[in-house]
Every structure is written in C-alpha cells, then in structure tokens.
Amino acid sequence: MNHYLLIYKLADDYLERRGEFRNEHLEMARKAVNDKDLVMGGALSEPADQAILLFKSDSPEVAEKFAKNDPYVKHNLVLSWEVRRWMTVVGPDAAHPVT
C-alpha cells in the first residue's frame, strides 16, 4: 500500500458555492473512508484556496476516480486537481517506514 495525496485548487467562490454540493461530496468521502481508501481530507484555510485528501491504496487510480466523480470537480468548485504519491516514512501509519 502507498499513500496518495489528492490536491485540489479551489475556486475563489468555493466557500460561497459549496453548500449546494457539500452533502453529496461528504457522502462520497465517508464511503471512501468506510472502504478504507480515504484516510482523511479537508480544505486548507486562511485562505481556503486548496483542499487535500489522503488516500491509502495500491495505485493512484482510487484517488483519481474520486476526483473525477466528485461534485465539487463536476461543478467547477475545483479549478484543477492532481494526485501525487506521498512517500511516508515516519509515523505509525507510514507506508514505507524507515528505521
């Protein structure tokens, strides 16, 4: 298993517009948590210009599929997104612990 970061660049009016799509977005996120794919996620604040979701999976496809189906992406609250492999090496949940 590896860690992957799904990084969203958010629209300037993200906070004002997210309410309409938030329940559907959170349902997707909770399902991904229940499926053990999503570890945690949330928006950065002050300013709320990015969001980061941490996935744990064998490939980046799980995070990519999430983004492609996310109502925030579909309704242009997310201007762009990328998935990056995060080589975690320390901490109790590190995917590649270094001793």
C-alpha atoms as a PDB file:
ATOM      1  CA  MET A   1       0.000   0.000   0.000  1.00  0.00           C
ATOM      2  CA  ASN A   2       1.035   3.553  -0.721  1.00  0.00           C
ATOM      3  CA  HIS A   3      -0.206   6.976   0.258  1.00  0.00           C
ATOM      4  CA  TYR A   4      -1.525   9.356  -2.386  1.00  0.00           C
ATOM      5  CA  LEU A   5      -2.453  12.999  -1.949  1.00  0.00           C
ATOM      6  CA  LEU A   6      -5.342  14.334  -3.980  1.00  0.00           C
ATOM      7  CA  ILE A   7      -4.703  18.059  -4.194  1.00  0.00           C
ATOM      8  CA  TYR A   8      -7.492  20.390  -5.248  1.00  0.00           C
ATOM      9  CA  LYS A   9      -7.035  24.004  -6.331  1.00  0.00           C
ATOM     10  CA  LEU A  10     -10.284  25.665  -5.272  1.00  0.00           C
ATOM     11  CA  ALA A  11     -12.289  28.388  -6.992  1.00  0.00           C
ATOM     12  CA  ASP A  12     -12.300  31.828  -5.385  1.00  0.00           C
ATOM     13  CA  ASP A  13     -16.005  31.436  -4.558  1.00  0.00           C
ATOM     14  CA  TYR A  14     -15.650  27.879  -3.203  1.00  0.00           C
ATOM     15  CA  LEU A  15     -16.903  28.746   0.289  1.00  0.00           C
ATOM     16  CA  GLU A  16     -19.969  30.537  -1.050  1.00  0.00           C
ATOM     17  CA  ARG A  17     -20.923  27.780  -3.538  1.00  0.00           C
ATOM     18  CA  ARG A  18     -20.030  24.538  -1.780  1.00  0.00           C
ATOM     19  CA  GLY A  19     -23.259  24.281   0.248  1.00  0.00           C
ATOM     20  CA  GLU A  20     -25.291  23.029  -2.701  1.00  0.00           C
ATOM     21  CA  PHE A  21     -22.921  20.109  -3.299  1.00  0.00           C
ATOM     22  CA  ARG A  22     -21.481  19.509   0.179  1.00  0.00           C
ATOM     23  CA  ASN A  23     -23.751  16.635   1.275  1.00  0.00           C
ATOM     24  CA  GLU A  24     -23.017  14.633  -1.885  1.00  0.00           C
ATOM     25  CA  HIS A  25     -19.283  15.357  -1.570  1.00  0.00           C
ATOM     26  CA  LEU A  26     -19.244  14.296   2.086  1.00  0.00           C
ATOM     27  CA  GLU A  27     -21.227  11.133   1.306  1.00  0.00           C
ATOM     28  CA  MET A  28     -18.568  10.192  -1.240  1.00  0.00           C
ATOM     29  CA  ALA A  29     -15.827  10.933   1.272  1.00  0.00           C
ATOM     30  CA  ARG A  30     -17.489   8.907   4.039  1.00  0.00           C
ATOM     31  CA  LYS A  31     -17.946   5.952   1.671  1.00  0.00           C
ATOM     32  CA  ALA A  32     -14.253   6.153   0.736  1.00  0.00           C
ATOM     33  CA  VAL A  33     -13.368   6.162   4.451  1.00  0.00           C
ATOM     34  CA  ASN A  34     -15.637   3.157   5.074  1.00  0.00           C
ATOM     35  CA  ASP A  35     -13.993   1.387   2.124  1.00  0.00           C
ATOM     36  CA  LYS A  36     -10.605   2.081   3.789  1.00  0.00           C
ATOM     37  CA  ASP A  37      -9.415   4.119   0.787  1.00  0.00           C
ATOM     38  CA  LEU A  38      -9.583   7.638   2.235  1.00  0.00           C
ATOM     39  CA  VAL A  39      -7.614   8.301   5.416  1.00  0.00           C
ATOM     40  CA  MET A  40      -8.635  11.943   5.880  1.00  0.00           C
ATOM     41  CA  GLY A  41      -9.303  15.090   3.950  1.00  0.00           C
ATOM     42  CA  GLY A  42     -10.213  18.722   4.212  1.00  0.00           C
ATOM     43  CA  ALA A  43      -9.718  22.233   2.902  1.00  0.00           C
ATOM     44  CA  LEU A  44      -6.823  24.462   3.826  1.00  0.00           C
ATOM     45  CA  SER A  45      -7.938  27.660   5.477  1.00  0.00           C
ATOM     46  CA  GLU A  46      -6.980  31.305   5.551  1.00  0.00           C
ATOM     47  CA  PRO A  47      -7.156  31.303   2.597  1.00  0.00           C
ATOM     48  CA  ALA A  48      -9.423  28.427   1.561  1.00  0.00           C
ATOM     49  CA  ASP A  49      -7.643  28.002  -1.751  1.00  0.00           C
ATOM     50  CA  GLN A  50      -6.753  24.301  -1.694  1.00  0.00           C
ATOM     51  CA  ALA A  51      -8.029  21.022  -0.300  1.00  0.00           C
ATOM     52  CA  ILE A  52      -6.026  17.880   0.369  1.00  0.00           C
ATOM     53  CA  LEU A  53      -7.320  14.331   0.666  1.00  0.00           C
ATOM     54  CA  LEU A  54      -5.053  11.494   1.794  1.00  0.00           C
ATOM     55  CA  PHE A  55      -5.702   8.104   0.220  1.00  0.00           C
ATOM     56  CA  LYS A  56      -4.095   4.761   1.007  1.00  0.00           C
ATOM     57  CA  SER A  57      -4.201   2.290  -1.871  1.00  0.00           C
ATOM     58  CA  ASP A  58      -2.166   0.174  -4.253  1.00  0.00           C
ATOM     59  CA  SER A  59      -2.379   2.738  -7.052  1.00  0.00           C
ATOM     60  CA  PRO A  60      -3.315   6.377  -7.698  1.00  0.00           C
ATOM     61  CA  GLU A  61      -6.445   5.266  -9.546  1.00  0.00           C
ATOM     62  CA  VAL A  62      -8.578   5.282  -6.384  1.00  0.00           C
ATOM     63  CA  ALA A  63      -7.862   8.978  -5.777  1.00  0.00           C
ATOM     64  CA  GLU A  64      -8.240   9.785  -9.485  1.00  0.00           C
ATOM     65  CA  LYS A  65     -11.638   8.077  -9.612  1.00  0.00           C
ATOM     66  CA  PHE A  66     -12.746  10.009  -6.526  1.00  0.00           C
ATOM     67  CA  ALA A  67     -11.799  13.322  -8.149  1.00  0.00           C
ATOM     68  CA  LYS A  68     -13.474  12.506 -11.451  1.00  0.00           C
ATOM     69  CA  ASN A  69     -16.759  11.740  -9.657  1.00  0.00           C
ATOM     70  CA  ASP A  70     -16.634  14.486  -7.018  1.00  0.00           C
ATOM     71  CA  PRO A  71     -19.473  17.019  -7.390  1.00  0.00           C
ATOM     72  CA  TYR A  72     -17.045  19.773  -6.404  1.00  0.00           C
ATOM     73  CA  VAL A  73     -14.997  18.926  -9.504  1.00  0.00           C
ATOM     74  CA  LYS A  74     -18.027  18.406 -11.748  1.00  0.00           C
ATOM     75  CA  HIS A  75     -19.489  21.806 -10.773  1.00  0.00           C
ATOM     76  CA  ASN A  76     -16.224  23.740 -11.080  1.00  0.00           C
ATOM     77  CA  LEU A  77     -15.645  24.454  -7.417  1.00  0.00           C
ATOM     78  CA  VAL A  78     -12.298  22.756  -8.084  1.00  0.00           C
ATOM     79  CA  LEU A  79     -10.289  24.557 -10.770  1.00  0.00           C
ATOM     80  CA  SER A  80      -7.706  21.793 -11.102  1.00  0.00           C
ATOM     81  CA  TRP A  81      -6.550  18.681  -9.292  1.00  0.00           C
ATOM     82  CA  GLU A  82      -3.593  16.352  -9.188  1.00  0.00           C
ATOM     83  CA  VAL A  83      -2.708  13.106  -7.479  1.00  0.00           C
ATOM     84  CA  ARG A  84       0.779  12.759  -6.022  1.00  0.00           C
ATOM     85  CA  ARG A  85       2.341   9.714  -4.397  1.00  0.00           C
ATOM     86  CA  TRP A  86       3.458  10.612  -0.895  1.00  0.00           C
ATOM     87  CA  MET A  87       6.383   8.538   0.301  1.00  0.00           C
ATOM     88  CA  THR A  88       5.531   8.383   4.007  1.00  0.00           C
ATOM     89  CA  VAL A  89       8.458   7.098   6.071  1.00  0.00           C
ATOM     90  CA  VAL A  90       7.798   8.028   9.710  1.00  0.00           C
ATOM     91  CA  GLY A  91       4.813   7.661  11.972  1.00  0.00           C
ATOM     92  CA  PRO A  92       2.600   4.745  12.969  1.00  0.00           C
ATOM     93  CA  ASP A  93       0.800   4.680   9.603  1.00  0.00           C
ATOM     94  CA  ALA A  94       3.825   5.240   7.337  1.00  0.00           C
ATOM     95  CA  ALA A  95       3.559   3.206   4.156  1.00  0.00           C
ATOM     96  CA  HIS A  96       7.342   2.786   3.874  1.00  0.00           C
ATOM     97  CA  PRO A  97       8.768   3.043   7.416  1.00  0.00           C
ATOM     98  CA  VAL A  98      12.454   3.812   7.754  1.00  0.00           C
ATOM     99  CA  THR A  99      14.099   2.633  10.939  1.00  0.00           C
END
